[in-house]
Amino acid sequence: MLKIFTLLIIIIMLTGPAFAGRPLVTDDTGTQGKGKYLLEFSGEYSIDNDEATDVKKKTFTTELDFGVTDNIDLILTAAYQGMRIDNPGSTKSTDSLNDTLIELKYRFYENKSGLSFAVKPGVYLPTGDYTKGYGGGDVRYGTGEVRYRLYFIGTKEFKRTAFHLNLGYMRNEARFEARKDLLHASFAGEWKITEKLKIAGNIGIDTSPDTDSNIDPIFVLGGFVYSFTDTISADFGIKHGLNAPGYDLTYSGGVSIKF
């Protein structure tokens, strides 16, 4: 716990401005504006090694945000994933589309001091092949059932820094044994170094979907975003699992286009 609080303090001291987004896990309250779009392409490479099993996962994600009104976004996220599982004496490789996520972000409060709040309900459609992979829902391509989630988002902006808090709940219906009620809590910050470059930090915890585990995965993430223009940016991040249930390391990169 001391390490976690130390990392959190470091993030608070270092962190940066305006709207969050990739490569952070934690979302911000920002929306695109009425009639505007955000298109994101990203890839992740995750590694998890333990005494019995080594897992390597590649994920390619496309996200499209549409501004329904100035403070409401409709968001569609689809991902394709490949997984290699090495056990003593055997190797298994699989790939599949993941479950598709549809969300609605509604920023219901903001003031001139830079404080704002939003809610983000979402539904997962069972487009993934839940029979592939192994274990709980974190190492499969889906659950085979419709799932629901709701996030509360808070953002506080300053001149060159911004902080974001997420609290979430998901009803995790599944066609295999998995924990039904999952919680999420995360905190992130950003620091604008120049007009084009900002760095970001992130820490969070999720309920493990594995009913055999009493340890909830905790992560810390660091990364940066570089804006080539007002509409095109690229990002890179490294995510580290701080305890056994999470992936040891995840490398991520992406490109965002606004239009």
C-alpha atoms as a PDB file:
ATOM      1  CA  MET A   1       0.000   0.000   0.000  1.00  0.00           C
ATOM      2  CA  LEU A   2       2.917   2.374   0.726  1.00  0.00           C
ATOM      3  CA  LYS A   3       4.157   1.881  -2.853  1.00  0.00           C
ATOM      4  CA  ILE A   4       0.685   2.631  -4.207  1.00  0.00           C
ATOM      5  CA  PHE A   5       0.329   5.867  -2.246  1.00  0.00           C
ATOM      6  CA  THR A   6       3.852   6.906  -3.239  1.00  0.00           C
ATOM      7  CA  LEU A   7       3.020   6.383  -6.918  1.00  0.00           C
ATOM      8  CA  LEU A   8      -0.211   8.331  -6.487  1.00  0.00           C
ATOM      9  CA  ILE A   9       1.661  11.264  -4.928  1.00  0.00           C
ATOM     10  CA  ILE A  10       4.181  11.229  -7.799  1.00  0.00           C
ATOM     11  CA  ILE A  11       1.332  11.340 -10.312  1.00  0.00           C
ATOM     12  CA  ILE A  12      -0.291  14.269  -8.508  1.00  0.00           C
ATOM     13  CA  MET A  13       3.007  16.163  -8.479  1.00  0.00           C
ATOM     14  CA  LEU A  14       3.807  15.538 -12.135  1.00  0.00           C
ATOM     15  CA  THR A  15       0.489  15.571 -13.864  1.00  0.00           C
ATOM     16  CA  GLY A  16      -0.952  17.584 -16.980  1.00  0.00           C
ATOM     17  CA  PRO A  17      -3.792  19.562 -18.846  1.00  0.00           C
ATOM     18  CA  ALA A  18      -7.080  19.560 -20.639  1.00  0.00           C
ATOM     19  CA  PHE A  19      -8.777  16.473 -21.928  1.00  0.00           C
ATOM     20  CA  ALA A  20      -7.494  13.009 -21.131  1.00  0.00           C
ATOM     21  CA  GLY A  21      -7.899  10.039 -23.424  1.00  0.00           C
ATOM     22  CA  ARG A  22      -5.233   7.730 -24.788  1.00  0.00           C
ATOM     23  CA  PRO A  23      -2.993   6.317 -23.473  1.00  0.00           C
ATOM     24  CA  LEU A  24      -4.777   6.680 -20.108  1.00  0.00           C
ATOM     25  CA  VAL A  25      -7.263   4.143 -18.770  1.00  0.00           C
ATOM     26  CA  THR A  26      -9.042   6.875 -16.806  1.00  0.00           C
ATOM     27  CA  ASP A  27     -11.478   8.950 -18.861  1.00  0.00           C
ATOM     28  CA  ASP A  28     -12.168  12.706 -18.663  1.00  0.00           C
ATOM     29  CA  THR A  29     -15.410  14.684 -18.854  1.00  0.00           C
ATOM     30  CA  GLY A  30     -14.566  16.239 -22.235  1.00  0.00           C
ATOM     31  CA  THR A  31     -16.899  15.770 -25.207  1.00  0.00           C
ATOM     32  CA  GLN A  32     -16.355  16.393 -28.918  1.00  0.00           C
ATOM     33  CA  GLY A  33     -18.950  19.100 -29.507  1.00  0.00           C
ATOM     34  CA  LYS A  34     -22.157  18.859 -31.520  1.00  0.00           C
ATOM     35  CA  GLY A  35     -21.636  17.221 -34.914  1.00  0.00           C
ATOM     36  CA  LYS A  36     -17.910  16.535 -34.408  1.00  0.00           C
ATOM     37  CA  TYR A  37     -16.062  13.197 -34.456  1.00  0.00           C
ATOM     38  CA  LEU A  38     -13.037  11.592 -32.855  1.00  0.00           C
ATOM     39  CA  LEU A  39     -11.516   8.478 -34.458  1.00  0.00           C
ATOM     40  CA  GLU A  40      -8.845   6.498 -32.591  1.00  0.00           C
ATOM     41  CA  PHE A  41      -6.724   3.578 -33.774  1.00  0.00           C
ATOM     42  CA  SER A  42      -4.580   1.850 -31.160  1.00  0.00           C
ATOM     43  CA  GLY A  43      -2.621  -1.301 -30.434  1.00  0.00           C
ATOM     44  CA  GLU A  44      -1.510  -3.020 -27.227  1.00  0.00           C
ATOM     45  CA  TYR A  45       0.960  -5.779 -26.455  1.00  0.00           C
ATOM     46  CA  SER A  46       0.537  -7.400 -23.021  1.00  0.00           C
ATOM     47  CA  ILE A  47       2.813  -9.888 -21.242  1.00  0.00           C
ATOM     48  CA  ASP A  48       1.977 -11.964 -18.179  1.00  0.00           C
ATOM     49  CA  ASN A  49       4.388 -14.570 -16.809  1.00  0.00           C
ATOM     50  CA  ASP A  50       3.932 -16.852 -13.827  1.00  0.00           C
ATOM     51  CA  GLU A  51       5.280 -20.230 -12.728  1.00  0.00           C
ATOM     52  CA  ALA A  52       2.824 -22.296 -14.766  1.00  0.00           C
ATOM     53  CA  THR A  53       1.590 -20.159 -17.654  1.00  0.00           C
ATOM     54  CA  ASP A  54       2.924 -17.419 -19.913  1.00  0.00           C
ATOM     55  CA  VAL A  55       0.363 -15.278 -21.733  1.00  0.00           C
ATOM     56  CA  LYS A  56       1.092 -12.824 -24.554  1.00  0.00           C
ATOM     57  CA  LYS A  57      -1.805 -10.750 -25.861  1.00  0.00           C
ATOM     58  CA  LYS A  58      -2.091  -8.393 -28.836  1.00  0.00           C
ATOM     59  CA  THR A  59      -5.098  -6.083 -29.086  1.00  0.00           C
ATOM     60  CA  PHE A  60      -6.059  -3.766 -31.957  1.00  0.00           C
ATOM     61  CA  THR A  61      -8.809  -1.266 -31.121  1.00  0.00           C
ATOM     62  CA  THR A  62     -10.886   1.234 -33.094  1.00  0.00           C
ATOM     63  CA  GLU A  63     -12.980   3.840 -31.269  1.00  0.00           C
ATOM     64  CA  LEU A  64     -15.398   6.342 -32.810  1.00  0.00           C
ATOM     65  CA  ASP A  65     -16.859   9.217 -30.765  1.00  0.00           C
ATOM     66  CA  PHE A  66     -19.691  11.368 -32.123  1.00  0.00           C
ATOM     67  CA  GLY A  67     -20.873  14.608 -30.550  1.00  0.00           C
ATOM     68  CA  VAL A  68     -24.660  14.312 -30.282  1.00  0.00           C
ATOM     69  CA  THR A  69     -24.810  17.672 -28.500  1.00  0.00           C
ATOM     70  CA  ASP A  70     -22.129  19.910 -27.009  1.00  0.00           C
ATOM     71  CA  ASN A  71     -22.144  17.871 -23.794  1.00  0.00           C
ATOM     72  CA  ILE A  72     -23.222  14.379 -24.965  1.00  0.00           C
ATOM     73  CA  ASP A  73     -21.086  11.884 -26.921  1.00  0.00           C
ATOM     74  CA  LEU A  74     -22.061   8.542 -28.432  1.00  0.00           C
ATOM     75  CA  ILE A  75     -19.073   6.152 -28.427  1.00  0.00           C
ATOM     76  CA  LEU A  76     -18.508   2.867 -30.269  1.00  0.00           C
ATOM     77  CA  THR A  77     -15.460   0.710 -29.450  1.00  0.00           C
ATOM     78  CA  ALA A  78     -14.504  -2.485 -31.280  1.00  0.00           C
ATOM     79  CA  ALA A  79     -11.346  -4.556 -30.747  1.00  0.00           C
ATOM     80  CA  TYR A  80      -9.654  -7.576 -32.295  1.00  0.00           C
ATOM     81  CA  GLN A  81      -7.378  -9.650 -30.105  1.00  0.00           C
ATOM     82  CA  GLY A  82      -4.808 -12.397 -30.503  1.00  0.00           C
ATOM     83  CA  MET A  83      -3.523 -14.493 -27.607  1.00  0.00           C
ATOM     84  CA  ARG A  84      -0.666 -16.983 -27.168  1.00  0.00           C
ATOM     85  CA  ILE A  85      -0.746 -19.197 -24.076  1.00  0.00           C
ATOM     86  CA  ASP A  86       2.350 -21.234 -23.182  1.00  0.00           C
ATOM     87  CA  ASN A  87       1.953 -24.017 -20.620  1.00  0.00           C
ATOM     88  CA  PRO A  88       4.543 -26.679 -19.776  1.00  0.00           C
ATOM     89  CA  GLY A  89       4.565 -28.991 -22.793  1.00  0.00           C
ATOM     90  CA  SER A  90       1.909 -27.144 -24.809  1.00  0.00           C
ATOM     91  CA  THR A  91       1.292 -23.909 -26.707  1.00  0.00           C
ATOM     92  CA  LYS A  92      -2.091 -22.515 -27.721  1.00  0.00           C
ATOM     93  CA  SER A  93      -2.715 -19.562 -30.044  1.00  0.00           C
ATOM     94  CA  THR A  94      -6.160 -18.038 -30.609  1.00  0.00           C
ATOM     95  CA  ASP A  95      -7.681 -14.843 -31.949  1.00  0.00           C
ATOM     96  CA  SER A  96     -11.143 -13.301 -32.126  1.00  0.00           C
ATOM     97  CA  LEU A  97     -13.145 -10.119 -32.173  1.00  0.00           C
ATOM     98  CA  ASN A  98     -13.782  -8.887 -28.628  1.00  0.00           C
ATOM     99  CA  ASP A  99     -17.168  -7.872 -27.232  1.00  0.00           C
ATOM    100  CA  THR A 100     -18.263  -4.525 -28.737  1.00  0.00           C
ATOM    101  CA  LEU A 101     -18.831  -1.591 -26.372  1.00  0.00           C
ATOM    102  CA  ILE A 102     -21.435   1.141 -26.929  1.00  0.00           C
ATOM    103  CA  GLU A 103     -21.396   4.092 -24.498  1.00  0.00           C
ATOM    104  CA  LEU A 104     -23.044   7.459 -23.932  1.00  0.00           C
ATOM    105  CA  LYS A 105     -21.059  10.157 -22.124  1.00  0.00           C
ATOM    106  CA  TYR A 106     -23.109  12.979 -20.554  1.00  0.00           C
ATOM    107  CA  ARG A 107     -21.339  15.930 -18.924  1.00  0.00           C
ATOM    108  CA  PHE A 108     -24.005  17.199 -16.557  1.00  0.00           C
ATOM    109  CA  TYR A 109     -22.037  19.820 -14.618  1.00  0.00           C
ATOM    110  CA  GLU A 110     -19.192  22.283 -15.246  1.00  0.00           C
ATOM    111  CA  ASN A 111     -18.158  25.634 -13.835  1.00  0.00           C
ATOM    112  CA  LYS A 112     -15.663  28.406 -14.603  1.00  0.00           C
ATOM    113  CA  SER A 113     -13.104  27.041 -12.119  1.00  0.00           C
ATOM    114  CA  GLY A 114     -12.445  24.036 -14.366  1.00  0.00           C
ATOM    115  CA  LEU A 115     -14.422  21.490 -12.321  1.00  0.00           C
ATOM    116  CA  SER A 116     -16.781  19.206 -14.255  1.00  0.00           C
ATOM    117  CA  PHE A 117     -18.673  15.937 -13.772  1.00  0.00           C
ATOM    118  CA  ALA A 118     -20.044  13.345 -16.198  1.00  0.00           C
ATOM    119  CA  VAL A 119     -21.714   9.943 -16.258  1.00  0.00           C
ATOM    120  CA  LYS A 120     -20.968   7.277 -18.845  1.00  0.00           C
ATOM    121  CA  PRO A 121     -23.348   4.305 -19.134  1.00  0.00           C
ATOM    122  CA  GLY A 122     -22.363   1.526 -21.522  1.00  0.00           C
ATOM    123  CA  VAL A 123     -23.367  -1.878 -22.825  1.00  0.00           C
ATOM    124  CA  TYR A 124     -21.150  -4.706 -24.115  1.00  0.00           C
ATOM    125  CA  LEU A 125     -22.586  -6.711 -27.015  1.00  0.00           C
ATOM    126  CA  PRO A 126     -21.434 -10.379 -27.107  1.00  0.00           C
ATOM    127  CA  THR A 127     -19.559 -10.234 -30.428  1.00  0.00           C
ATOM    128  CA  GLY A 128     -16.467 -12.048 -29.088  1.00  0.00           C
ATOM    129  CA  ASP A 129     -15.877 -15.801 -28.934  1.00  0.00           C
ATOM    130  CA  TYR A 130     -16.073 -16.517 -25.206  1.00  0.00           C
ATOM    131  CA  THR A 131     -15.005 -20.160 -25.714  1.00  0.00           C
ATOM    132  CA  LYS A 132     -11.479 -19.090 -26.674  1.00  0.00           C
ATOM    133  CA  GLY A 133      -8.724 -18.234 -24.188  1.00  0.00           C
ATOM    134  CA  TYR A 134      -8.829 -19.641 -20.690  1.00  0.00           C
ATOM    135  CA  GLY A 135      -9.785 -18.797 -17.107  1.00  0.00           C
ATOM    136  CA  GLY A 136     -11.825 -15.727 -16.183  1.00  0.00           C
ATOM    137  CA  GLY A 137     -13.158 -12.937 -18.377  1.00  0.00           C
ATOM    138  CA  ASP A 138      -9.863 -11.033 -18.376  1.00  0.00           C
ATOM    139  CA  VAL A 139      -8.184 -13.724 -20.519  1.00  0.00           C
ATOM    140  CA  ARG A 140     -11.064 -14.527 -22.858  1.00  0.00           C
ATOM    141  CA  TYR A 141     -12.500 -12.663 -25.827  1.00  0.00           C
ATOM    142  CA  GLY A 142     -15.864 -12.029 -24.212  1.00  0.00           C
ATOM    143  CA  THR A 143     -18.435 -13.547 -21.895  1.00  0.00           C
ATOM    144  CA  GLY A 144     -21.162 -14.683 -24.307  1.00  0.00           C
ATOM    145  CA  GLU A 145     -23.716 -12.415 -22.613  1.00  0.00           C
ATOM    146  CA  VAL A 146     -24.790  -8.772 -22.704  1.00  0.00           C
ATOM    147  CA  ARG A 147     -23.021  -6.802 -19.968  1.00  0.00           C
ATOM    148  CA  TYR A 148     -23.754  -3.357 -18.559  1.00  0.00           C
ATOM    149  CA  ARG A 149     -21.577  -0.749 -16.911  1.00  0.00           C
ATOM    150  CA  LEU A 150     -21.825   2.773 -15.484  1.00  0.00           C
ATOM    151  CA  TYR A 151     -18.956   5.195 -14.814  1.00  0.00           C
ATOM    152  CA  PHE A 152     -18.878   8.428 -12.830  1.00  0.00           C
ATOM    153  CA  ILE A 153     -16.200  10.852 -14.093  1.00  0.00           C
ATOM    154  CA  GLY A 154     -14.751  13.944 -12.468  1.00  0.00           C
ATOM    155  CA  THR A 155     -12.250  16.386 -14.007  1.00  0.00           C
ATOM    156  CA  LYS A 156     -10.453  19.400 -12.503  1.00  0.00           C
ATOM    157  CA  GLU A 157      -8.497  21.569 -14.943  1.00  0.00           C
ATOM    158  CA  PHE A 158      -5.817  24.123 -14.189  1.00  0.00           C
ATOM    159  CA  LYS A 159      -3.682  26.227 -16.534  1.00  0.00           C
ATOM    160  CA  ARG A 160      -1.173  23.505 -17.472  1.00  0.00           C
ATOM    161  CA  THR A 161      -2.441  20.507 -15.516  1.00  0.00           C
ATOM    162  CA  ALA A 162      -5.600  18.454 -15.199  1.00  0.00           C
ATOM    163  CA  PHE A 163      -6.749  15.622 -12.924  1.00  0.00           C
ATOM    164  CA  HIS A 164      -9.363  12.952 -13.580  1.00  0.00           C
ATOM    165  CA  LEU A 165     -11.204  10.506 -11.300  1.00  0.00           C
ATOM    166  CA  ASN A 166     -13.249   7.482 -12.443  1.00  0.00           C
ATOM    167  CA  LEU A 167     -15.536   5.305 -10.318  1.00  0.00           C
ATOM    168  CA  GLY A 168     -17.293   2.480 -12.130  1.00  0.00           C
ATOM    169  CA  TYR A 169     -19.559  -0.539 -11.794  1.00  0.00           C
ATOM    170  CA  MET A 170     -20.133  -3.408 -14.265  1.00  0.00           C
ATOM    171  CA  ARG A 171     -22.674  -6.204 -14.173  1.00  0.00           C
ATOM    172  CA  ASN A 172     -20.561  -9.059 -15.519  1.00  0.00           C
ATOM    173  CA  GLU A 173     -22.965 -11.648 -16.924  1.00  0.00           C
ATOM    174  CA  ALA A 174     -21.082 -14.651 -18.361  1.00  0.00           C
ATOM    175  CA  ARG A 175     -21.607 -18.156 -19.763  1.00  0.00           C
ATOM    176  CA  PHE A 176     -18.831 -19.430 -17.513  1.00  0.00           C
ATOM    177  CA  GLU A 177     -18.115 -19.017 -13.823  1.00  0.00           C
ATOM    178  CA  ALA A 178     -17.124 -15.404 -13.158  1.00  0.00           C
ATOM    179  CA  ARG A 179     -17.702 -12.732 -10.531  1.00  0.00           C
ATOM    180  CA  LYS A 180     -20.902 -10.849 -11.393  1.00  0.00           C
ATOM    181  CA  ASP A 181     -20.375  -7.459  -9.757  1.00  0.00           C
ATOM    182  CA  LEU A 182     -17.165  -5.648 -10.718  1.00  0.00           C
ATOM    183  CA  LEU A 183     -15.937  -2.272  -9.469  1.00  0.00           C
ATOM    184  CA  HIS A 184     -13.364   0.134 -10.884  1.00  0.00           C
ATOM    185  CA  ALA A 185     -11.544   3.109  -9.356  1.00  0.00           C
ATOM    186  CA  SER A 186      -8.766   5.095 -11.022  1.00  0.00           C
ATOM    187  CA  PHE A 187      -7.038   8.458 -10.892  1.00  0.00           C
ATOM    188  CA  ALA A 188      -5.023  10.215 -13.611  1.00  0.00           C
ATOM    189  CA  GLY A 189      -3.258  13.456 -14.264  1.00  0.00           C
ATOM    190  CA  GLU A 190      -1.689  15.298 -17.182  1.00  0.00           C
ATOM    191  CA  TRP A 191       0.976  17.975 -17.532  1.00  0.00           C
ATOM    192  CA  LYS A 192       1.343  20.112 -20.635  1.00  0.00           C
ATOM    193  CA  ILE A 193       5.092  20.417 -21.280  1.00  0.00           C
ATOM    194  CA  THR A 194       4.786  22.379 -24.540  1.00  0.00           C
ATOM    195  CA  GLU A 195       1.946  23.301 -26.871  1.00  0.00           C
ATOM    196  CA  LYS A 196       2.438  19.962 -28.653  1.00  0.00           C
ATOM    197  CA  LEU A 197       3.640  17.597 -25.897  1.00  0.00           C
ATOM    198  CA  LYS A 198       2.037  16.457 -22.666  1.00  0.00           C
ATOM    199  CA  ILE A 199       2.883  13.641 -20.269  1.00  0.00           C
ATOM    200  CA  ALA A 200       0.397  11.645 -18.227  1.00  0.00           C
ATOM    201  CA  GLY A 201       0.225   9.275 -15.264  1.00  0.00           C
ATOM    202  CA  ASN A 202      -2.470   6.863 -14.133  1.00  0.00           C
ATOM    203  CA  ILE A 203      -3.175   4.487 -11.241  1.00  0.00           C
ATOM    204  CA  GLY A 204      -6.193   2.268 -10.662  1.00  0.00           C
ATOM    205  CA  ILE A 205      -7.753  -0.901  -9.281  1.00  0.00           C
ATOM    206  CA  ASP A 206     -10.404  -3.299 -10.647  1.00  0.00           C
ATOM    207  CA  THR A 207     -12.344  -6.137  -9.090  1.00  0.00           C
ATOM    208  CA  SER A 208     -10.983  -9.456 -10.339  1.00  0.00           C
ATOM    209  CA  PRO A 209     -13.579 -11.370 -12.411  1.00  0.00           C
ATOM    210  CA  ASP A 210     -11.937 -14.632 -11.337  1.00  0.00           C
ATOM    211  CA  THR A 211     -14.030 -16.198  -8.552  1.00  0.00           C
ATOM    212  CA  ASP A 212     -10.983 -18.172  -7.379  1.00  0.00           C
ATOM    213  CA  SER A 213      -8.988 -14.996  -6.702  1.00  0.00           C
ATOM    214  CA  ASN A 214      -9.340 -12.663  -3.714  1.00  0.00           C
ATOM    215  CA  ILE A 215      -6.710 -10.267  -5.080  1.00  0.00           C
ATOM    216  CA  ASP A 216      -7.889  -7.316  -7.163  1.00  0.00           C
ATOM    217  CA  PRO A 217      -5.476  -6.195  -9.917  1.00  0.00           C
ATOM    218  CA  ILE A 218      -3.823  -2.801  -9.411  1.00  0.00           C
ATOM    219  CA  PHE A 219      -2.030  -0.944 -12.197  1.00  0.00           C
ATOM    220  CA  VAL A 220       0.131   2.101 -12.753  1.00  0.00           C
ATOM    221  CA  LEU A 221       0.649   3.706 -16.157  1.00  0.00           C
ATOM    222  CA  GLY A 222       2.837   6.410 -17.637  1.00  0.00           C
ATOM    223  CA  GLY A 223       2.850   7.875 -21.114  1.00  0.00           C
ATOM    224  CA  PHE A 224       2.833  10.891 -23.392  1.00  0.00           C
ATOM    225  CA  VAL A 225       0.787  12.472 -26.193  1.00  0.00           C
ATOM    226  CA  TYR A 226       2.254  14.469 -29.079  1.00  0.00           C
ATOM    227  CA  SER A 227      -0.052  16.665 -31.182  1.00  0.00           C
ATOM    228  CA  PHE A 228       1.109  17.106 -34.771  1.00  0.00           C
ATOM    229  CA  THR A 229      -1.803  19.467 -35.498  1.00  0.00           C
ATOM    230  CA  ASP A 230      -4.998  20.548 -33.742  1.00  0.00           C
ATOM    231  CA  THR A 231      -6.723  17.463 -35.172  1.00  0.00           C
ATOM    232  CA  ILE A 232      -4.055  14.709 -35.279  1.00  0.00           C
ATOM    233  CA  SER A 233      -2.086  13.313 -32.334  1.00  0.00           C
ATOM    234  CA  ALA A 234      -0.097  10.197 -31.417  1.00  0.00           C
ATOM    235  CA  ASP A 235       0.437   8.578 -28.028  1.00  0.00           C
ATOM    236  CA  PHE A 236       2.497   5.934 -26.262  1.00  0.00           C
ATOM    237  CA  GLY A 237       2.134   4.375 -22.811  1.00  0.00           C
ATOM    238  CA  ILE A 238       3.497   1.621 -20.569  1.00  0.00           C
ATOM    239  CA  LYS A 239       1.186  -0.024 -18.041  1.00  0.00           C
ATOM    240  CA  HIS A 240       2.564  -2.122 -15.169  1.00  0.00           C
ATOM    241  CA  GLY A 241       0.565  -4.539 -13.029  1.00  0.00           C
ATOM    242  CA  LEU A 242       1.473  -4.056  -9.370  1.00  0.00           C
ATOM    243  CA  ASN A 243       0.214  -7.463  -8.217  1.00  0.00           C
ATOM    244  CA  ALA A 244      -0.283 -10.998  -9.515  1.00  0.00           C
ATOM    245  CA  PRO A 245      -3.750 -10.881 -11.180  1.00  0.00           C
ATOM    246  CA  GLY A 246      -2.893  -8.125 -13.672  1.00  0.00           C
ATOM    247  CA  TYR A 247      -0.682  -8.315 -16.748  1.00  0.00           C
ATOM    248  CA  ASP A 248       2.955  -7.694 -15.868  1.00  0.00           C
ATOM    249  CA  LEU A 249       3.500  -5.188 -18.669  1.00  0.00           C
ATOM    250  CA  THR A 250       1.386  -3.634 -21.415  1.00  0.00           C
ATOM    251  CA  TYR A 251       2.842  -1.445 -24.164  1.00  0.00           C
ATOM    252  CA  SER A 252       0.347   0.708 -26.053  1.00  0.00           C
ATOM    253  CA  GLY A 253       0.379   3.224 -28.887  1.00  0.00           C
ATOM    254  CA  GLY A 254      -2.228   4.964 -30.956  1.00  0.00           C
ATOM    255  CA  VAL A 255      -3.278   7.729 -33.324  1.00  0.00           C
ATOM    256  CA  SER A 256      -6.244  10.075 -32.780  1.00  0.00           C
ATOM    257  CA  ILE A 257      -7.967  12.096 -35.514  1.00  0.00           C
ATOM    258  CA  LYS A 258     -10.620  14.774 -34.927  1.00  0.00           C
ATOM    259  CA  PHE A 259     -12.922  15.949 -37.671  1.00  0.00           C
END
